[in-house]
Amino acid sequence: MLTHPFKLVTIIAEPVLAPRITQELRRLGATGFTVVEGRGEGSRAMHAAEIPGINVRIETIVPPEVGDRIVAHIAETYFADYEVIAYLSDVAVVRGDKYRSITSSGGR
């Protein structure tokens, strides 16, 4: 089966940030995303959110250059003031054209 190399961007954040982050993902070149609620505890064993232990995991599959742009934006915008982590993983997808937008090569 023919697959195409892409990046899976995973962002774990306070629930209040989900609408803002998902809007930014589209602007930065993502064609879609998935948001899942979850519970967990970070390295500091504390949560700043109003509901202790609740967070969201936001995932999107994007071309490598878009993944780099998204992670840089998340780091610059959220790391200093919010409980947010972000990371990239290599993935191989079928139907690679589904994950490319006409703005994928565009800027911020």
PDB file of N, CA and C in Angstrom:
ATOM      1  N   MET A   1       0.834  -1.176   0.000  1.00  0.00           N
ATOM      2  CA  MET A   1       0.000   0.000   0.000  1.00  0.00           C
ATOM      3  C   MET A   1       0.881   1.241   0.000  1.00  0.00           C
ATOM      4  N   LEU A   2       0.535   2.196  -0.823  1.00  0.00           N
ATOM      5  CA  LEU A   2       1.304   3.436  -0.939  1.00  0.00           C
ATOM      6  C   LEU A   2       0.926   4.392   0.187  1.00  0.00           C
ATOM      7  N   THR A   3       1.935   4.845   0.928  1.00  0.00           N
ATOM      8  CA  THR A   3       1.695   5.815   1.998  1.00  0.00           C
ATOM      9  C   THR A   3       2.546   7.052   1.762  1.00  0.00           C
ATOM     10  N   HIS A   4       2.199   8.123   2.463  1.00  0.00           N
ATOM     11  CA  HIS A   4       2.883   9.402   2.318  1.00  0.00           C
ATOM     12  C   HIS A   4       3.327   9.889   3.690  1.00  0.00           C
ATOM     13  N   PRO A   5       4.544  10.427   3.797  1.00  0.00           N
ATOM     14  CA  PRO A   5       5.037  10.887   5.109  1.00  0.00           C
ATOM     15  C   PRO A   5       4.431  12.240   5.499  1.00  0.00           C
ATOM     16  N   PHE A   6       3.890  12.296   6.697  1.00  0.00           N
ATOM     17  CA  PHE A   6       3.326  13.518   7.257  1.00  0.00           C
ATOM     18  C   PHE A   6       3.718  13.603   8.717  1.00  0.00           C
ATOM     19  N   LYS A   7       3.268  14.645   9.383  1.00  0.00           N
ATOM     20  CA  LYS A   7       3.495  14.823  10.815  1.00  0.00           C
ATOM     21  C   LYS A   7       2.151  14.833  11.540  1.00  0.00           C
ATOM     22  N   LEU A   8       2.125  14.172  12.671  1.00  0.00           N
ATOM     23  CA  LEU A   8       0.999  14.254  13.590  1.00  0.00           C
ATOM     24  C   LEU A   8       1.389  15.271  14.652  1.00  0.00           C
ATOM     25  N   VAL A   9       0.635  16.355  14.734  1.00  0.00           N
ATOM     26  CA  VAL A   9       0.852  17.363  15.762  1.00  0.00           C
ATOM     27  C   VAL A   9      -0.119  17.058  16.891  1.00  0.00           C
ATOM     28  N   THR A  10       0.399  16.924  18.094  1.00  0.00           N
ATOM     29  CA  THR A  10      -0.432  16.697  19.272  1.00  0.00           C
ATOM     30  C   THR A  10      -0.228  17.857  20.226  1.00  0.00           C
ATOM     31  N   ILE A  11      -1.340  18.444  20.641  1.00  0.00           N
ATOM     32  CA  ILE A  11      -1.315  19.567  21.573  1.00  0.00           C
ATOM     33  C   ILE A  11      -2.207  19.182  22.748  1.00  0.00           C
ATOM     34  N   ILE A  12      -1.682  19.288  23.947  1.00  0.00           N
ATOM     35  CA  ILE A  12      -2.469  19.029  25.140  1.00  0.00           C
ATOM     36  C   ILE A  12      -2.573  20.355  25.884  1.00  0.00           C
ATOM     37  N   ALA A  13      -3.821  20.761  26.138  1.00  0.00           N
ATOM     38  CA  ALA A  13      -4.040  22.120  26.648  1.00  0.00           C
ATOM     39  C   ALA A  13      -5.235  22.184  27.584  1.00  0.00           C
ATOM     40  N   GLU A  14      -5.364  23.333  28.221  1.00  0.00           N
ATOM     41  CA  GLU A  14      -6.530  23.632  29.028  1.00  0.00           C
ATOM     42  C   GLU A  14      -7.742  23.725  28.091  1.00  0.00           C
ATOM     43  N   PRO A  15      -8.900  23.217  28.507  1.00  0.00           N
ATOM     44  CA  PRO A  15     -10.082  23.210  27.641  1.00  0.00           C
ATOM     45  C   PRO A  15     -10.487  24.584  27.120  1.00  0.00           C
ATOM     46  N   VAL A  16     -10.275  25.624  27.908  1.00  0.00           N
ATOM     47  CA  VAL A  16     -10.664  26.967  27.503  1.00  0.00           C
ATOM     48  C   VAL A  16      -9.914  27.419  26.245  1.00  0.00           C
ATOM     49  N   LEU A  17      -8.767  26.814  25.972  1.00  0.00           N
ATOM     50  CA  LEU A  17      -7.962  27.205  24.812  1.00  0.00           C
ATOM     51  C   LEU A  17      -8.361  26.488  23.524  1.00  0.00           C
ATOM     52  N   ALA A  18      -9.150  25.436  23.594  1.00  0.00           N
ATOM     53  CA  ALA A  18      -9.456  24.619  22.419  1.00  0.00           C
ATOM     54  C   ALA A  18     -10.042  25.412  21.254  1.00  0.00           C
ATOM     55  N   PRO A  19     -11.056  26.250  21.451  1.00  0.00           N
ATOM     56  CA  PRO A  19     -11.591  26.988  20.296  1.00  0.00           C
ATOM     57  C   PRO A  19     -10.556  27.890  19.630  1.00  0.00           C
ATOM     58  N   ARG A  20      -9.763  28.538  20.435  1.00  0.00           N
ATOM     59  CA  ARG A  20      -8.726  29.448  19.903  1.00  0.00           C
ATOM     60  C   ARG A  20      -7.660  28.660  19.137  1.00  0.00           C
ATOM     61  N   ILE A  21      -7.180  27.568  19.728  1.00  0.00           N
ATOM     62  CA  ILE A  21      -6.124  26.778  19.081  1.00  0.00           C
ATOM     63  C   ILE A  21      -6.631  26.154  17.789  1.00  0.00           C
ATOM     64  N   THR A  22      -7.841  25.612  17.791  1.00  0.00           N
ATOM     65  CA  THR A  22      -8.335  24.970  16.566  1.00  0.00           C
ATOM     66  C   THR A  22      -8.531  25.991  15.446  1.00  0.00           C
ATOM     67  N   GLN A  23      -8.932  27.186  15.783  1.00  0.00           N
ATOM     68  CA  GLN A  23      -9.038  28.240  14.770  1.00  0.00           C
ATOM     69  C   GLN A  23      -7.656  28.569  14.199  1.00  0.00           C
ATOM     70  N   GLU A  24      -6.663  28.630  15.073  1.00  0.00           N
ATOM     71  CA  GLU A  24      -5.296  28.918  14.630  1.00  0.00           C
ATOM     72  C   GLU A  24      -4.741  27.793  13.764  1.00  0.00           C
ATOM     73  N   LEU A  25      -5.102  26.532  14.067  1.00  0.00           N
ATOM     74  CA  LEU A  25      -4.626  25.416  13.249  1.00  0.00           C
ATOM     75  C   LEU A  25      -5.039  25.596  11.797  1.00  0.00           C
ATOM     76  N   ARG A  26      -6.279  25.957  11.566  1.00  0.00           N
ATOM     77  CA  ARG A  26      -6.766  26.196  10.196  1.00  0.00           C
ATOM     78  C   ARG A  26      -5.967  27.315   9.533  1.00  0.00           C
ATOM     79  N   ARG A  27      -5.764  28.388  10.265  1.00  0.00           N
ATOM     80  CA  ARG A  27      -5.024  29.537   9.715  1.00  0.00           C
ATOM     81  C   ARG A  27      -3.580  29.158   9.365  1.00  0.00           C
ATOM     82  N   LEU A  28      -3.018  28.236  10.135  1.00  0.00           N
ATOM     83  CA  LEU A  28      -1.625  27.835   9.925  1.00  0.00           C
ATOM     84  C   LEU A  28      -1.460  26.734   8.881  1.00  0.00           C
ATOM     85  N   GLY A  29      -2.568  26.219   8.322  1.00  0.00           N
ATOM     86  CA  GLY A  29      -2.463  25.272   7.221  1.00  0.00           C
ATOM     87  C   GLY A  29      -3.027  23.886   7.449  1.00  0.00           C
ATOM     88  N   ALA A  30      -3.604  23.601   8.617  1.00  0.00           N
ATOM     89  CA  ALA A  30      -4.204  22.282   8.861  1.00  0.00           C
ATOM     90  C   ALA A  30      -5.540  22.189   8.124  1.00  0.00           C
ATOM     91  N   THR A  31      -5.841  21.024   7.585  1.00  0.00           N
ATOM     92  CA  THR A  31      -7.117  20.831   6.899  1.00  0.00           C
ATOM     93  C   THR A  31      -8.205  20.326   7.833  1.00  0.00           C
ATOM     94  N   GLY A  32      -7.841  19.898   9.023  1.00  0.00           N
ATOM     95  CA  GLY A  32      -8.806  19.409  10.000  1.00  0.00           C
ATOM     96  C   GLY A  32      -8.097  19.066  11.295  1.00  0.00           C
ATOM     97  N   PHE A  33      -8.862  18.622  12.274  1.00  0.00           N
ATOM     98  CA  PHE A  33      -8.292  18.299  13.578  1.00  0.00           C
ATOM     99  C   PHE A  33      -9.277  17.438  14.345  1.00  0.00           C
ATOM    100  N   THR A  34      -8.793  16.840  15.422  1.00  0.00           N
ATOM    101  CA  THR A  34      -9.618  16.074  16.353  1.00  0.00           C
ATOM    102  C   THR A  34      -9.353  16.609  17.747  1.00  0.00           C
ATOM    103  N   VAL A  35     -10.409  16.779  18.531  1.00  0.00           N
ATOM    104  CA  VAL A  35     -10.286  17.238  19.910  1.00  0.00           C
ATOM    105  C   VAL A  35     -10.922  16.183  20.805  1.00  0.00           C
ATOM    106  N   VAL A  36     -10.176  15.739  21.813  1.00  0.00           N
ATOM    107  CA  VAL A  36     -10.645  14.719  22.744  1.00  0.00           C
ATOM    108  C   VAL A  36     -10.400  15.218  24.166  1.00  0.00           C
ATOM    109  N   GLU A  37     -11.419  15.121  25.022  1.00  0.00           N
ATOM    110  CA  GLU A  37     -11.239  15.478  26.430  1.00  0.00           C
ATOM    111  C   GLU A  37     -10.521  14.345  27.146  1.00  0.00           C
ATOM    112  N   GLY A  38      -9.739  14.718  28.142  1.00  0.00           N
ATOM    113  CA  GLY A  38      -9.020  13.698  28.897  1.00  0.00           C
ATOM    114  C   GLY A  38      -8.664  14.195  30.282  1.00  0.00           C
ATOM    115  N   ARG A  39      -8.110  13.300  31.031  1.00  0.00           N
ATOM    116  CA  ARG A  39      -7.632  13.636  32.368  1.00  0.00           C
ATOM    117  C   ARG A  39      -6.195  13.181  32.474  1.00  0.00           C
ATOM    118  N   GLY A  40      -5.433  13.852  33.286  1.00  0.00           N
ATOM    119  CA  GLY A  40      -4.050  13.472  33.470  1.00  0.00           C
ATOM    120  C   GLY A  40      -3.368  14.409  34.427  1.00  0.00           C
ATOM    121  N   GLU A  41      -2.100  14.195  34.557  1.00  0.00           N
ATOM    122  CA  GLU A  41      -1.313  15.002  35.476  1.00  0.00           C
ATOM    123  C   GLU A  41       0.046  15.224  34.837  1.00  0.00           C
ATOM    124  N   GLY A  42       0.532  16.438  34.913  1.00  0.00           N
ATOM    125  CA  GLY A  42       1.806  16.777  34.322  1.00  0.00           C
ATOM    126  C   GLY A  42       2.965  16.586  35.267  1.00  0.00           C
ATOM    127  N   SER A  43       4.110  17.033  34.855  1.00  0.00           N
ATOM    128  CA  SER A  43       5.332  16.864  35.632  1.00  0.00           C
ATOM    129  C   SER A  43       5.288  17.600  36.967  1.00  0.00           C
ATOM    130  N   ARG A  44       4.482  18.656  37.037  1.00  0.00           N
ATOM    131  CA  ARG A  44       4.365  19.421  38.281  1.00  0.00           C
ATOM    132  C   ARG A  44       3.213  18.934  39.148  1.00  0.00           C
ATOM    133  N   ALA A  45       2.473  17.936  38.695  1.00  0.00           N
ATOM    134  CA  ALA A  45       1.354  17.345  39.432  1.00  0.00           C
ATOM    135  C   ALA A  45       0.307  18.379  39.820  1.00  0.00           C
ATOM    136  N   MET A  46       0.111  19.391  38.952  1.00  0.00           N
ATOM    137  CA  MET A  46      -0.904  20.394  39.234  1.00  0.00           C
ATOM    138  C   MET A  46      -1.561  20.831  37.939  1.00  0.00           C
ATOM    139  N   HIS A  47      -2.738  21.422  38.062  1.00  0.00           N
ATOM    140  CA  HIS A  47      -3.472  21.959  36.922  1.00  0.00           C
ATOM    141  C   HIS A  47      -3.947  23.354  37.243  1.00  0.00           C
ATOM    142  N   ALA A  48      -3.768  24.257  36.287  1.00  0.00           N
ATOM    143  CA  ALA A  48      -4.222  25.630  36.476  1.00  0.00           C
ATOM    144  C   ALA A  48      -5.668  25.811  36.032  1.00  0.00           C
ATOM    145  N   ALA A  49      -6.202  24.853  35.294  1.00  0.00           N
ATOM    146  CA  ALA A  49      -7.564  24.970  34.771  1.00  0.00           C
ATOM    147  C   ALA A  49      -8.580  24.962  35.897  1.00  0.00           C
ATOM    148  N   GLU A  50      -9.756  25.490  35.596  1.00  0.00           N
ATOM    149  CA  GLU A  50     -10.805  25.574  36.602  1.00  0.00           C
ATOM    150  C   GLU A  50     -11.352  24.206  36.998  1.00  0.00           C
ATOM    151  N   ILE A  51     -11.196  23.186  36.150  1.00  0.00           N
ATOM    152  CA  ILE A  51     -11.632  21.834  36.476  1.00  0.00           C
ATOM    153  C   ILE A  51     -10.374  20.987  36.633  1.00  0.00           C
ATOM    154  N   PRO A  52      -9.975  20.668  37.856  1.00  0.00           N
ATOM    155  CA  PRO A  52      -8.721  19.947  38.076  1.00  0.00           C
ATOM    156  C   PRO A  52      -8.662  18.631  37.294  1.00  0.00           C
ATOM    157  N   GLY A  53      -7.565  18.414  36.607  1.00  0.00           N
ATOM    158  CA  GLY A  53      -7.331  17.160  35.912  1.00  0.00           C
ATOM    159  C   GLY A  53      -7.900  17.063  34.516  1.00  0.00           C
ATOM    160  N   ILE A  54      -8.771  17.983  34.106  1.00  0.00           N
ATOM    161  CA  ILE A  54      -9.383  17.916  32.785  1.00  0.00           C
ATOM    162  C   ILE A  54      -8.525  18.711  31.799  1.00  0.00           C
ATOM    163  N   ASN A  55      -8.285  18.121  30.648  1.00  0.00           N
ATOM    164  CA  ASN A  55      -7.586  18.817  29.577  1.00  0.00           C
ATOM    165  C   ASN A  55      -8.116  18.324  28.246  1.00  0.00           C
ATOM    166  N   VAL A  56      -7.629  18.875  27.161  1.00  0.00           N
ATOM    167  CA  VAL A  56      -8.000  18.414  25.832  1.00  0.00           C
ATOM    168  C   VAL A  56      -6.739  18.032  25.074  1.00  0.00           C
ATOM    169  N   ARG A  57      -6.892  17.023  24.232  1.00  0.00           N
ATOM    170  CA  ARG A  57      -5.825  16.645  23.303  1.00  0.00           C
ATOM    171  C   ARG A  57      -6.331  17.009  21.918  1.00  0.00           C
ATOM    172  N   ILE A  58      -5.580  17.855  21.250  1.00  0.00           N
ATOM    173  CA  ILE A  58      -5.918  18.311  19.906  1.00  0.00           C
ATOM    174  C   ILE A  58      -4.889  17.702  18.967  1.00  0.00           C
ATOM    175  N   GLU A  59      -5.353  17.000  17.941  1.00  0.00           N
ATOM    176  CA  GLU A  59      -4.439  16.365  16.990  1.00  0.00           C
ATOM    177  C   GLU A  59      -4.787  16.768  15.565  1.00  0.00           C
ATOM    178  N   THR A  60      -3.749  16.928  14.774  1.00  0.00           N
ATOM    179  CA  THR A  60      -3.922  17.204  13.358  1.00  0.00           C
ATOM    180  C   THR A  60      -2.781  16.555  12.587  1.00  0.00           C
ATOM    181  N   ILE A  61      -3.066  16.093  11.392  1.00  0.00           N
ATOM    182  CA  ILE A  61      -2.044  15.515  10.509  1.00  0.00           C
ATOM    183  C   ILE A  61      -1.778  16.529   9.411  1.00  0.00           C
ATOM    184  N   VAL A  62      -0.511  16.865   9.248  1.00  0.00           N
ATOM    185  CA  VAL A  62      -0.137  17.947   8.339  1.00  0.00           C
ATOM    186  C   VAL A  62       1.200  17.642   7.661  1.00  0.00           C
ATOM    187  N   PRO A  63       1.499  18.354   6.570  1.00  0.00           N
ATOM    188  CA  PRO A  63       2.838  18.254   5.979  1.00  0.00           C
ATOM    189  C   PRO A  63       3.888  18.731   6.986  1.00  0.00           C
ATOM    190  N   PRO A  64       5.113  18.253   6.866  1.00  0.00           N
ATOM    191  CA  PRO A  64       6.161  18.603   7.837  1.00  0.00           C
ATOM    192  C   PRO A  64       6.339  20.108   8.065  1.00  0.00           C
ATOM    193  N   GLU A  65       6.310  20.907   7.008  1.00  0.00           N
ATOM    194  CA  GLU A  65       6.520  22.345   7.176  1.00  0.00           C
ATOM    195  C   GLU A  65       5.372  22.993   7.959  1.00  0.00           C
ATOM    196  N   VAL A  66       4.179  22.482   7.796  1.00  0.00           N
ATOM    197  CA  VAL A  66       3.034  23.006   8.555  1.00  0.00           C
ATOM    198  C   VAL A  66       3.158  22.589  10.021  1.00  0.00           C
ATOM    199  N   GLY A  67       3.594  21.364  10.260  1.00  0.00           N
ATOM    200  CA  GLY A  67       3.792  20.901  11.631  1.00  0.00           C
ATOM    201  C   GLY A  67       4.797  21.763  12.374  1.00  0.00           C
ATOM    202  N   ASP A  68       5.898  22.080  11.717  1.00  0.00           N
ATOM    203  CA  ASP A  68       6.908  22.944  12.335  1.00  0.00           C
ATOM    204  C   ASP A  68       6.326  24.323  12.651  1.00  0.00           C
ATOM    205  N   ARG A  69       5.553  24.857  11.724  1.00  0.00           N
ATOM    206  CA  ARG A  69       4.940  26.173  11.901  1.00  0.00           C
ATOM    207  C   ARG A  69       3.958  26.157  13.076  1.00  0.00           C
ATOM    208  N   ILE A  70       3.153  25.100  13.181  1.00  0.00           N
ATOM    209  CA  ILE A  70       2.177  25.002  14.265  1.00  0.00           C
ATOM    210  C   ILE A  70       2.872  24.904  15.621  1.00  0.00           C
ATOM    211  N   VAL A  71       3.858  24.027  15.733  1.00  0.00           N
ATOM    212  CA  VAL A  71       4.541  23.847  17.022  1.00  0.00           C
ATOM    213  C   VAL A  71       5.266  25.132  17.430  1.00  0.00           C
ATOM    214  N   ALA A  72       5.879  25.812  16.492  1.00  0.00           N
ATOM    215  CA  ALA A  72       6.542  27.087  16.810  1.00  0.00           C
ATOM    216  C   ALA A  72       5.523  28.109  17.305  1.00  0.00           C
ATOM    217  N   HIS A  73       4.374  28.174  16.650  1.00  0.00           N
ATOM    218  CA  HIS A  73       3.326  29.112  17.060  1.00  0.00           C
ATOM    219  C   HIS A  73       2.806  28.785  18.463  1.00  0.00           C
ATOM    220  N   ILE A  74       2.547  27.527  18.724  1.00  0.00           N
ATOM    221  CA  ILE A  74       2.052  27.114  20.041  1.00  0.00           C
ATOM    222  C   ILE A  74       3.074  27.479  21.125  1.00  0.00           C
ATOM    223  N   ALA A  75       4.336  27.194  20.861  1.00  0.00           N
ATOM    224  CA  ALA A  75       5.390  27.507  21.835  1.00  0.00           C
ATOM    225  C   ALA A  75       5.457  29.005  22.110  1.00  0.00           C
ATOM    226  N   GLU A  76       5.456  29.809  21.058  1.00  0.00           N
ATOM    227  CA  GLU A  76       5.573  31.259  21.208  1.00  0.00           C
ATOM    228  C   GLU A  76       4.349  31.875  21.872  1.00  0.00           C
ATOM    229  N   THR A  77       3.177  31.336  21.587  1.00  0.00           N
ATOM    230  CA  THR A  77       1.928  31.947  22.029  1.00  0.00           C
ATOM    231  C   THR A  77       1.463  31.481  23.399  1.00  0.00           C
ATOM    232  N   TYR A  78       1.721  30.212  23.742  1.00  0.00           N
ATOM    233  CA  TYR A  78       1.079  29.635  24.917  1.00  0.00           C
ATOM    234  C   TYR A  78       1.997  29.146  26.031  1.00  0.00           C
ATOM    235  N   PHE A  79       3.206  28.726  25.726  1.00  0.00           N
ATOM    236  CA  PHE A  79       4.022  28.056  26.741  1.00  0.00           C
ATOM    237  C   PHE A  79       4.273  28.913  27.988  1.00  0.00           C
ATOM    238  N   ALA A  80       4.463  30.192  27.829  1.00  0.00           N
ATOM    239  CA  ALA A  80       4.810  31.038  28.978  1.00  0.00           C
ATOM    240  C   ALA A  80       3.652  31.228  29.958  1.00  0.00           C
ATOM    241  N   ASP A  81       2.429  31.233  29.454  1.00  0.00           N
ATOM    242  CA  ASP A  81       1.295  31.614  30.302  1.00  0.00           C
ATOM    243  C   ASP A  81       0.233  30.546  30.522  1.00  0.00           C
ATOM    244  N   TYR A  82       0.321  29.425  29.811  1.00  0.00           N
ATOM    245  CA  TYR A  82      -0.721  28.416  29.906  1.00  0.00           C
ATOM    246  C   TYR A  82      -0.128  27.032  30.116  1.00  0.00           C
ATOM    247  N   GLU A  83      -0.967  26.139  30.577  1.00  0.00           N
ATOM    248  CA  GLU A  83      -0.577  24.748  30.759  1.00  0.00           C
ATOM    249  C   GLU A  83      -0.786  24.029  29.420  1.00  0.00           C
ATOM    250  N   VAL A  84       0.249  24.028  28.578  1.00  0.00           N
ATOM    251  CA  VAL A  84       0.163  23.491  27.214  1.00  0.00           C
ATOM    252  C   VAL A  84       1.442  22.745  26.894  1.00  0.00           C
ATOM    253  N   ILE A  85       1.298  21.600  26.230  1.00  0.00           N
ATOM    254  CA  ILE A  85       2.455  20.931  25.631  1.00  0.00           C
ATOM    255  C   ILE A  85       2.125  20.639  24.177  1.00  0.00           C
ATOM    256  N   ALA A  86       3.143  20.472  23.362  1.00  0.00           N
ATOM    257  CA  ALA A  86       2.947  20.158  21.949  1.00  0.00           C
ATOM    258  C   ALA A  86       4.106  19.299  21.483  1.00  0.00           C
ATOM    259  N   TYR A  87       3.796  18.351  20.604  1.00  0.00           N
ATOM    260  CA  TYR A  87       4.865  17.537  20.040  1.00  0.00           C
ATOM    261  C   TYR A  87       4.479  17.027  18.660  1.00  0.00           C
ATOM    262  N   LEU A  88       5.493  16.641  17.903  1.00  0.00           N
ATOM    263  CA  LEU A  88       5.337  16.112  16.549  1.00  0.00           C
ATOM    264  C   LEU A  88       5.700  14.634  16.535  1.00  0.00           C
ATOM    265  N   SER A  89       4.977  13.867  15.734  1.00  0.00           N
ATOM    266  CA  SER A  89       5.295  12.462  15.499  1.00  0.00           C
ATOM    267  C   SER A  89       5.266  12.207  14.001  1.00  0.00           C
ATOM    268  N   ASP A  90       6.117  11.304  13.533  1.00  0.00           N
ATOM    269  CA  ASP A  90       6.081  10.897  12.135  1.00  0.00           C
ATOM    270  C   ASP A  90       4.924   9.931  11.918  1.00  0.00           C
ATOM    271  N   VAL A  91       4.160  10.141  10.848  1.00  0.00           N
ATOM    272  CA  VAL A  91       3.092   9.226  10.479  1.00  0.00           C
ATOM    273  C   VAL A  91       3.157   8.977   8.978  1.00  0.00           C
ATOM    274  N   ALA A  92       2.635   7.834   8.563  1.00  0.00           N
ATOM    275  CA  ALA A  92       2.531   7.496   7.143  1.00  0.00           C
ATOM    276  C   ALA A  92       1.044   7.339   6.848  1.00  0.00           C
ATOM    277  N   VAL A  93       0.527   8.155   5.943  1.00  0.00           N
ATOM    278  CA  VAL A  93      -0.906   8.154   5.670  1.00  0.00           C
ATOM    279  C   VAL A  93      -1.206   7.687   4.252  1.00  0.00           C
ATOM    280  N   VAL A  94      -2.379   7.133   4.102  1.00  0.00           N
ATOM    281  CA  VAL A  94      -2.932   6.817   2.797  1.00  0.00           C
ATOM    282  C   VAL A  94      -3.759   8.033   2.397  1.00  0.00           C
ATOM    283  N   ARG A  95      -3.865   8.334   1.106  1.00  0.00           N
ATOM    284  CA  ARG A  95      -4.614   9.511   0.651  1.00  0.00           C
ATOM    285  C   ARG A  95      -3.964  10.798   1.151  1.00  0.00           C
ATOM    286  N   GLY A  96      -2.701  10.965   0.850  1.00  0.00           N
ATOM    287  CA  GLY A  96      -1.954  12.122   1.321  1.00  0.00           C
ATOM    288  C   GLY A  96      -2.544  13.454   0.918  1.00  0.00           C
ATOM    289  N   ASP A  97      -3.240  13.513  -0.231  1.00  0.00           N
ATOM    290  CA  ASP A  97      -3.826  14.776  -0.677  1.00  0.00           C
ATOM    291  C   ASP A  97      -4.898  15.284   0.285  1.00  0.00           C
ATOM    292  N   LYS A  98      -5.478  14.410   1.070  1.00  0.00           N
ATOM    293  CA  LYS A  98      -6.503  14.792   2.053  1.00  0.00           C
ATOM    294  C   LYS A  98      -5.938  15.721   3.131  1.00  0.00           C
ATOM    295  N   TYR A  99      -4.638  15.658   3.368  1.00  0.00           N
ATOM    296  CA  TYR A  99      -4.004  16.412   4.453  1.00  0.00           C
ATOM    297  C   TYR A  99      -3.240  17.637   3.973  1.00  0.00           C
ATOM    298  N   ARG A 100      -3.384  17.961   2.720  1.00  0.00           N
ATOM    299  CA  ARG A 100      -2.724  19.152   2.173  1.00  0.00           C
ATOM    300  C   ARG A 100      -3.777  20.179   1.823  1.00  0.00           C
ATOM    301  N   SER A 101      -3.585  21.396   2.298  1.00  0.00           N
ATOM    302  CA  SER A 101      -4.496  22.472   1.931  1.00  0.00           C
ATOM    303  C   SER A 101      -3.789  23.388   0.942  1.00  0.00           C
ATOM    304  N   ILE A 102      -4.545  24.209   0.283  1.00  0.00           N
ATOM    305  CA  ILE A 102      -3.915  25.149  -0.646  1.00  0.00           C
ATOM    306  C   ILE A 102      -3.082  26.176   0.102  1.00  0.00           C
ATOM    307  N   THR A 103      -3.297  26.299   1.418  1.00  0.00           N
ATOM    308  CA  THR A 103      -2.499  27.241   2.215  1.00  0.00           C
ATOM    309  C   THR A 103      -1.375  26.553   2.969  1.00  0.00           C
ATOM    310  N   SER A 104      -1.171  25.242   2.742  1.00  0.00           N
ATOM    311  CA  SER A 104      -0.152  24.510   3.481  1.00  0.00           C
ATOM    312  C   SER A 104       1.234  25.117   3.364  1.00  0.00           C
ATOM    313  N   SER A 105       1.516  25.709   2.234  1.00  0.00           N
ATOM    314  CA  SER A 105       2.835  26.303   2.068  1.00  0.00           C
ATOM    315  C   SER A 105       2.834  27.783   2.388  1.00  0.00           C
ATOM    316  N   GLY A 106       1.686  28.279   2.850  1.00  0.00           N
ATOM    317  CA  GLY A 106       1.569  29.700   3.172  1.00  0.00           C
ATOM    318  C   GLY A 106       2.174  30.032   4.509  1.00  0.00           C
ATOM    319  N   GLY A 107       2.169  31.287   4.851  1.00  0.00           N
ATOM    320  CA  GLY A 107       2.747  31.740   6.112  1.00  0.00           C
ATOM    321  C   GLY A 107       1.721  31.796   7.217  1.00  0.00           C
ATOM    322  N   ARG A 108       2.099  32.441   8.285  1.00  0.00           N
ATOM    323  CA  ARG A 108       1.240  32.590   9.460  1.00  0.00           C
ATOM    324  C   ARG A 108       0.215  33.576   9.151  1.00  0.00           C
TER     325      ARG A 108
END
